[in-house]
Amino acid sequence: MNKVETTASPLIGKVTKSKNKEITLLADIKSLIKVGIVNSNLITTFTGFWLALYFTNSSFIENWDVFLLTMIGTALVIAGGCILNNWYDRDIDPIMSRTKSRPTVTGSIALNHILILGISATSIGLILLLLTTVQAAIFGFFGWFTYVVLYTMWSKRKYTLNTVVGSFSGAVPPLIGWAAIDPNLHIAAIVLFLIMFIWQTPHFLALAMKKCEEYKAAGIPMLPVVHGFEFTKRQMVVYTACLLPLPFYLVSLGTTFVVIATLLNVGWLTLGLSGFFMKNDLKWANLMFIYSLNYLTILFLMMVVVTFDFPF
């Protein structure tokens, strides 16, 4: 019995080590592509695609191949941009707690491999989008270029407006989804873009407040680092207020949508205003951050739900 155990243990050890390596590699890849960002952007891409079908009276089943190309292509372009963002930021990521375990910092994946992976994912993604419509590929490239070049390489370390610059890339996915079906953008597609563009500033400024000391240590001029919390809170309230009229441009989605979207906007604005009376700024920033995540998910999924009765 002892001989069997002694003989088997090295094999078990090798299997365990192999599994651990696979788990570590998977975790590293997830960290590189920023799974949370990819998933949230795919929700807005799908909504843009779905509403384009709705407004053009097109069938989802007849466009299932376009759907797959759109979603996979968008995911790869976003993932490619995130990978290249990690590759470029490898000098400042060790300073911040939420980024110091990335493979670009730990060295678990060679930097040249990461660079190749980022470029490859982007290229394949753009090719897939090009197989839908030229406009979808152009929007995909615009979002990638804004995030990688204009945000990561240019504005992030120089200007407090880096958040606004980055918001352009985050607002593009619904346009990609829409353009894959209808290259002629409808007012609804533009409103989706505006919602995403405006939403990102209070969302990311809330995160910047929570991580203010880390951004300061890394030398990144986020708004709360340069101008303080009070100024940042005023900016966040202004942006949330700008969301108020947008649901009324989507009245064709029905009264239920307009009412719920307006309640979401009023709720966020009310929470934003409460920041001027709360003593704990970081607690308020965390509440704003959590609300923003729920806001985005509920709003975009609701757009799909209220239009679910069109011919499938």
Protein backbone atom coordinates (compact mmCIF):
# COMPACT_ATOMS: atom_id res chain seq x y z
CA MET A 1 0.00 0.00 0.00
CA ASN A 2 2.79 2.36 0.91
CA LYS A 3 4.59 1.57 -2.34
CA VAL A 4 1.52 2.47 -4.37
CA GLU A 5 1.15 5.77 -2.54
CA THR A 6 4.82 6.59 -2.96
CA THR A 7 4.74 5.78 -6.68
CA ALA A 8 1.52 7.70 -7.33
CA SER A 9 2.39 10.88 -5.49
CA PRO A 10 4.83 12.33 -8.09
CA LEU A 11 2.20 11.88 -10.80
CA ILE A 12 -0.43 13.57 -8.66
CA GLY A 13 2.01 16.36 -7.98
CA LYS A 14 2.67 16.87 -11.69
CA VAL A 15 -1.05 16.94 -12.48
CA THR A 16 -1.67 19.44 -9.67
CA LYS A 17 1.15 21.69 -10.87
CA SER A 18 -0.15 21.49 -14.43
CA LYS A 19 -3.65 22.47 -13.32
CA ASN A 20 -2.25 25.33 -11.22
CA LYS A 21 -0.33 26.63 -14.22
CA GLU A 22 -3.48 26.48 -16.35
CA ILE A 23 -5.46 28.35 -13.70
CA THR A 24 -2.71 30.95 -13.35
CA LEU A 25 -2.47 31.43 -17.12
CA LEU A 26 -6.25 31.82 -17.38
CA ALA A 27 -6.23 34.37 -14.56
CA ASP A 28 -3.40 36.27 -16.26
CA ILE A 29 -5.26 36.39 -19.58
CA LYS A 30 -8.44 37.58 -17.85
CA SER A 31 -6.39 40.29 -16.18
CA LEU A 32 -4.83 41.33 -19.48
CA ILE A 33 -8.08 41.60 -21.42
CA LYS A 34 -9.97 43.15 -18.47
CA VAL A 35 -12.94 40.79 -18.59
CA GLY A 36 -15.23 43.18 -16.71
CA ILE A 37 -14.69 45.93 -19.27
CA VAL A 38 -15.19 43.53 -22.19
CA ASN A 39 -18.42 42.14 -20.72
CA SER A 40 -19.95 45.53 -19.94
CA ASN A 41 -19.13 46.79 -23.42
CA LEU A 42 -20.63 43.68 -25.01
CA ILE A 43 -23.91 44.45 -23.23
CA THR A 44 -24.05 47.85 -24.93
CA THR A 45 -22.93 46.35 -28.26
CA PHE A 46 -25.74 43.82 -28.10
CA THR A 47 -28.26 46.53 -27.24
CA GLY A 48 -27.17 48.60 -30.25
CA PHE A 49 -27.44 45.52 -32.48
CA TRP A 50 -30.84 44.58 -31.07
CA LEU A 51 -32.34 48.04 -31.41
CA ALA A 52 -31.07 48.29 -34.99
CA LEU A 53 -33.01 45.09 -35.74
CA TYR A 54 -36.05 46.56 -34.00
CA PHE A 55 -36.05 49.89 -35.83
CA THR A 56 -35.34 48.32 -39.24
CA ASN A 57 -37.85 45.48 -38.74
CA SER A 58 -35.12 42.92 -39.37
CA SER A 59 -35.07 39.35 -38.11
CA PHE A 60 -32.54 38.22 -35.52
CA ILE A 61 -32.56 34.65 -36.83
CA GLU A 62 -31.79 35.81 -40.36
CA ASN A 63 -28.86 37.84 -39.00
CA TRP A 64 -27.43 35.36 -36.51
CA ASP A 65 -24.17 35.15 -38.44
CA VAL A 66 -23.82 38.93 -38.39
CA PHE A 67 -24.54 38.84 -34.66
CA LEU A 68 -21.71 36.38 -33.99
CA LEU A 69 -19.26 38.36 -36.13
CA THR A 70 -20.25 41.57 -34.36
CA MET A 71 -19.98 40.26 -30.82
CA ILE A 72 -16.76 38.28 -31.32
CA GLY A 73 -15.18 41.06 -33.38
CA THR A 74 -16.07 43.72 -30.82
CA ALA A 75 -14.84 41.56 -27.94
CA LEU A 76 -11.48 41.02 -29.67
CA VAL A 77 -11.01 44.71 -30.51
CA ILE A 78 -11.78 45.73 -26.92
CA ALA A 79 -9.59 42.96 -25.52
CA GLY A 80 -6.78 43.98 -27.87
CA GLY A 81 -7.02 47.58 -26.69
CA CYS A 82 -6.98 46.52 -23.03
CA ILE A 83 -3.96 44.27 -23.58
CA LEU A 84 -2.04 47.11 -25.22
CA ASN A 85 -3.11 49.44 -22.41
CA ASN A 86 -1.60 47.00 -19.90
CA TRP A 87 1.54 46.65 -22.00
CA TYR A 88 2.05 50.42 -22.13
CA ASP A 89 1.23 51.04 -18.46
CA ARG A 90 3.64 48.41 -17.14
CA ASP A 91 5.79 51.12 -15.50
CA ILE A 92 3.00 52.59 -13.35
CA ASP A 93 0.88 49.49 -12.67
CA PRO A 94 3.18 48.24 -9.85
CA ILE A 95 2.22 51.31 -7.82
CA MET A 96 -1.52 50.65 -7.77
CA SER A 97 -3.05 47.80 -5.76
CA ARG A 98 -5.66 46.90 -8.38
CA THR A 99 -3.06 46.60 -11.15
CA LYS A 100 0.10 45.32 -9.46
CA SER A 101 -0.78 41.65 -10.01
CA ARG A 102 -1.12 41.97 -13.79
CA PRO A 103 1.23 39.70 -15.79
CA THR A 104 2.91 42.79 -17.26
CA VAL A 105 4.05 43.54 -13.70
CA THR A 106 4.71 40.04 -12.39
CA GLY A 107 6.48 38.94 -15.58
CA SER A 108 4.47 35.72 -15.81
CA ILE A 109 3.99 36.40 -19.53
CA ALA A 110 6.76 37.86 -21.68
CA LEU A 111 6.15 41.47 -22.72
CA ASN A 112 6.77 40.77 -26.40
CA HIS A 113 4.17 37.99 -26.25
CA ILE A 114 1.69 40.41 -24.67
CA LEU A 115 2.37 42.97 -27.39
CA ILE A 116 1.84 40.39 -30.13
CA LEU A 117 -1.33 39.16 -28.43
CA GLY A 118 -2.74 42.69 -28.26
CA ILE A 119 -2.01 43.48 -31.89
CA SER A 120 -3.31 40.09 -33.06
CA ALA A 121 -6.58 40.33 -31.12
CA THR A 122 -7.19 43.83 -32.46
CA SER A 123 -6.44 42.86 -36.05
CA ILE A 124 -8.64 39.76 -36.03
CA GLY A 125 -11.44 41.71 -34.36
CA LEU A 126 -11.37 44.46 -36.98
CA ILE A 127 -11.38 41.89 -39.80
CA LEU A 128 -14.46 40.21 -38.30
CA LEU A 129 -16.23 43.56 -38.00
CA LEU A 130 -15.31 44.35 -41.59
CA LEU A 131 -17.22 41.22 -42.60
CA THR A 132 -20.39 42.89 -41.26
CA THR A 133 -20.17 46.45 -42.57
CA VAL A 134 -17.35 48.90 -43.25
CA GLN A 135 -18.96 51.36 -40.83
CA ALA A 136 -18.86 48.84 -37.98
CA ALA A 137 -15.14 48.28 -38.57
CA ILE A 138 -14.52 52.05 -38.71
CA PHE A 139 -16.31 52.56 -35.39
CA GLY A 140 -14.32 49.67 -33.92
CA PHE A 141 -11.04 51.17 -35.05
CA PHE A 142 -12.05 54.63 -33.80
CA GLY A 143 -12.80 53.22 -30.35
CA TRP A 144 -9.53 51.27 -30.28
CA PHE A 145 -7.45 54.23 -31.48
CA THR A 146 -9.04 56.59 -28.97
CA TYR A 147 -8.42 54.20 -26.07
CA VAL A 148 -4.91 53.04 -26.95
CA VAL A 149 -3.38 56.14 -28.54
CA LEU A 150 -5.37 59.22 -27.45
CA TYR A 151 -6.12 58.00 -23.93
CA THR A 152 -3.41 55.54 -22.85
CA MET A 153 -0.41 56.99 -24.68
CA TRP A 154 -1.31 60.69 -24.76
CA SER A 155 -3.81 62.15 -22.30
CA LYS A 156 -3.84 59.73 -19.35
CA ARG A 157 -0.57 60.98 -17.86
CA LYS A 158 -0.88 64.62 -18.91
CA TYR A 159 -4.39 66.02 -18.55
CA THR A 160 -7.36 65.82 -16.19
CA LEU A 161 -9.50 65.57 -19.32
CA ASN A 162 -8.16 62.06 -19.83
CA THR A 163 -11.48 60.72 -18.55
CA VAL A 164 -13.40 62.61 -21.24
CA VAL A 165 -11.00 61.39 -23.94
CA GLY A 166 -11.40 57.81 -22.79
CA SER A 167 -15.18 58.21 -22.76
CA PHE A 168 -15.25 58.37 -26.54
CA SER A 169 -13.91 54.83 -26.82
CA GLY A 170 -16.33 53.51 -24.21
CA ALA A 171 -19.28 55.07 -26.04
CA VAL A 172 -18.50 53.38 -29.37
CA PRO A 173 -19.69 49.75 -28.78
CA PRO A 174 -23.43 50.51 -29.25
CA LEU A 175 -22.56 52.22 -32.54
CA ILE A 176 -20.64 49.12 -33.66
CA GLY A 177 -23.63 46.92 -32.89
CA TRP A 178 -26.01 49.26 -34.68
CA ALA A 179 -23.82 49.79 -37.75
CA ALA A 180 -23.44 46.04 -38.23
CA ILE A 181 -27.14 45.99 -39.13
CA ASP A 182 -27.82 49.54 -40.27
CA PRO A 183 -24.91 51.68 -41.51
CA ASN A 184 -27.24 54.70 -41.59
CA LEU A 185 -27.30 55.69 -37.93
CA HIS A 186 -30.71 56.38 -36.37
CA ILE A 187 -31.33 58.96 -33.62
CA ALA A 188 -31.61 56.03 -31.19
CA ALA A 189 -28.00 55.00 -31.96
CA ILE A 190 -26.79 58.53 -31.29
CA VAL A 191 -28.66 58.61 -27.98
CA LEU A 192 -27.03 55.30 -26.98
CA PHE A 193 -23.65 56.87 -27.74
CA LEU A 194 -24.48 59.95 -25.66
CA ILE A 195 -25.69 57.88 -22.71
CA MET A 196 -22.47 55.90 -22.68
CA PHE A 197 -20.31 58.98 -23.19
CA ILE A 198 -21.92 60.89 -20.32
CA TRP A 199 -22.19 57.86 -18.00
CA GLN A 200 -18.47 57.18 -18.01
CA THR A 201 -17.30 60.41 -16.38
CA PRO A 202 -19.19 60.07 -13.06
CA HIS A 203 -18.47 56.33 -13.10
CA PHE A 204 -14.71 56.68 -13.48
CA LEU A 205 -14.41 59.79 -11.32
CA ALA A 206 -16.05 57.83 -8.50
CA LEU A 207 -13.34 55.19 -8.98
CA ALA A 208 -10.69 57.94 -9.12
CA MET A 209 -11.88 59.28 -5.78
CA LYS A 210 -11.69 55.80 -4.24
CA LYS A 211 -8.17 55.29 -5.59
CA CYS A 212 -7.05 58.91 -5.30
CA GLU A 213 -3.88 58.22 -3.31
CA GLU A 214 -2.79 55.51 -5.72
CA TYR A 215 -3.34 57.72 -8.75
CA LYS A 216 -1.37 60.46 -7.00
CA ALA A 217 1.52 58.08 -6.29
CA ALA A 218 1.49 56.93 -9.93
CA GLY A 219 1.55 60.52 -11.17
CA ILE A 220 -1.75 60.26 -13.05
CA PRO A 221 -3.55 63.65 -13.05
CA MET A 222 -7.06 62.43 -12.35
CA LEU A 223 -9.51 65.19 -11.45
CA PRO A 224 -9.69 64.47 -7.69
CA VAL A 225 -5.88 64.36 -7.54
CA VAL A 226 -5.44 67.77 -9.17
CA HIS A 227 -8.56 69.69 -8.12
CA GLY A 228 -9.79 67.86 -5.02
CA PHE A 229 -12.98 66.08 -4.07
CA GLU A 230 -15.36 69.05 -3.96
CA PHE A 231 -14.61 70.10 -7.52
CA THR A 232 -14.85 66.46 -8.65
CA LYS A 233 -18.24 66.03 -7.00
CA ARG A 234 -19.59 69.09 -8.78
CA GLN A 235 -18.42 67.70 -12.10
CA MET A 236 -20.04 64.33 -11.41
CA VAL A 237 -23.37 65.98 -10.59
CA VAL A 238 -23.26 68.04 -13.78
CA TYR A 239 -22.71 64.92 -15.88
CA THR A 240 -25.47 62.94 -14.18
CA ALA A 241 -27.85 65.87 -14.71
CA CYS A 242 -27.02 65.78 -18.43
CA LEU A 243 -28.52 62.29 -18.61
CA LEU A 244 -32.00 63.53 -17.61
CA PRO A 245 -33.35 64.51 -21.06
CA LEU A 246 -31.95 61.55 -23.02
CA PRO A 247 -34.71 58.96 -22.34
CA PHE A 248 -37.24 61.33 -23.94
CA TYR A 249 -35.48 60.92 -27.27
CA LEU A 250 -36.35 57.22 -27.03
CA VAL A 251 -40.10 57.59 -26.52
CA SER A 252 -40.61 55.07 -29.33
CA LEU A 253 -39.46 52.43 -26.86
CA GLY A 254 -42.61 53.05 -24.83
CA THR A 255 -43.79 54.79 -21.68
CA THR A 256 -42.48 52.05 -19.38
CA PHE A 257 -38.93 52.57 -20.59
CA VAL A 258 -39.09 56.37 -20.34
CA VAL A 259 -40.50 56.26 -16.80
CA ILE A 260 -37.99 53.71 -15.47
CA ALA A 261 -35.05 55.40 -17.22
CA THR A 262 -36.10 58.76 -15.78
CA LEU A 263 -36.38 57.28 -12.28
CA LEU A 264 -32.88 55.83 -12.67
CA ASN A 265 -31.58 59.25 -13.71
CA VAL A 266 -33.33 61.09 -10.89
CA GLY A 267 -32.09 58.51 -8.41
CA TRP A 268 -28.49 58.93 -9.57
CA LEU A 269 -28.74 62.72 -9.53
CA THR A 270 -30.22 62.62 -6.01
CA LEU A 271 -27.39 60.38 -4.84
CA GLY A 272 -24.94 62.76 -6.50
CA LEU A 273 -26.37 65.79 -4.70
CA SER A 274 -26.24 63.93 -1.39
CA GLY A 275 -22.48 63.98 -1.74
CA PHE A 276 -22.45 67.64 -0.72
CA PHE A 277 -23.98 66.68 2.64
CA MET A 278 -22.23 63.40 3.42
CA LYS A 279 -19.12 63.68 5.58
CA ASN A 280 -17.48 60.52 4.24
CA ASP A 281 -16.47 61.29 0.65
CA LEU A 282 -15.05 57.84 -0.01
CA LYS A 283 -18.24 56.13 1.15
CA TRP A 284 -20.23 58.40 -1.15
CA ALA A 285 -17.86 57.69 -4.05
CA ASN A 286 -18.32 53.96 -3.51
CA LEU A 287 -22.11 54.36 -3.54
CA MET A 288 -21.88 56.36 -6.78
CA PHE A 289 -19.65 53.70 -8.32
CA ILE A 290 -22.00 50.84 -7.40
CA TYR A 291 -25.05 52.80 -8.60
CA SER A 292 -23.38 53.52 -11.94
CA LEU A 293 -22.80 49.80 -12.57
CA ASN A 294 -26.39 48.92 -11.76
CA TYR A 295 -27.64 51.90 -13.77
CA LEU A 296 -25.88 50.76 -16.92
CA THR A 297 -26.96 47.14 -16.62
CA ILE A 298 -30.62 47.90 -15.87
CA LEU A 299 -30.96 50.64 -18.51
CA PHE A 300 -29.51 48.69 -21.42
CA LEU A 301 -31.17 45.38 -20.57
CA MET A 302 -34.47 47.22 -20.24
CA MET A 303 -34.11 48.53 -23.79
CA VAL A 304 -33.97 44.92 -24.96
CA VAL A 305 -36.85 43.76 -22.78
CA VAL A 306 -39.31 46.46 -23.92
CA THR A 307 -38.63 45.69 -27.58
CA PHE A 308 -38.72 41.91 -27.27
CA ASP A 309 -42.07 41.59 -29.02
CA PHE A 310 -40.87 42.41 -32.53
CA PRO A 311 -40.69 39.53 -35.09
CA PHE A 312 -37.76 37.35 -34.03
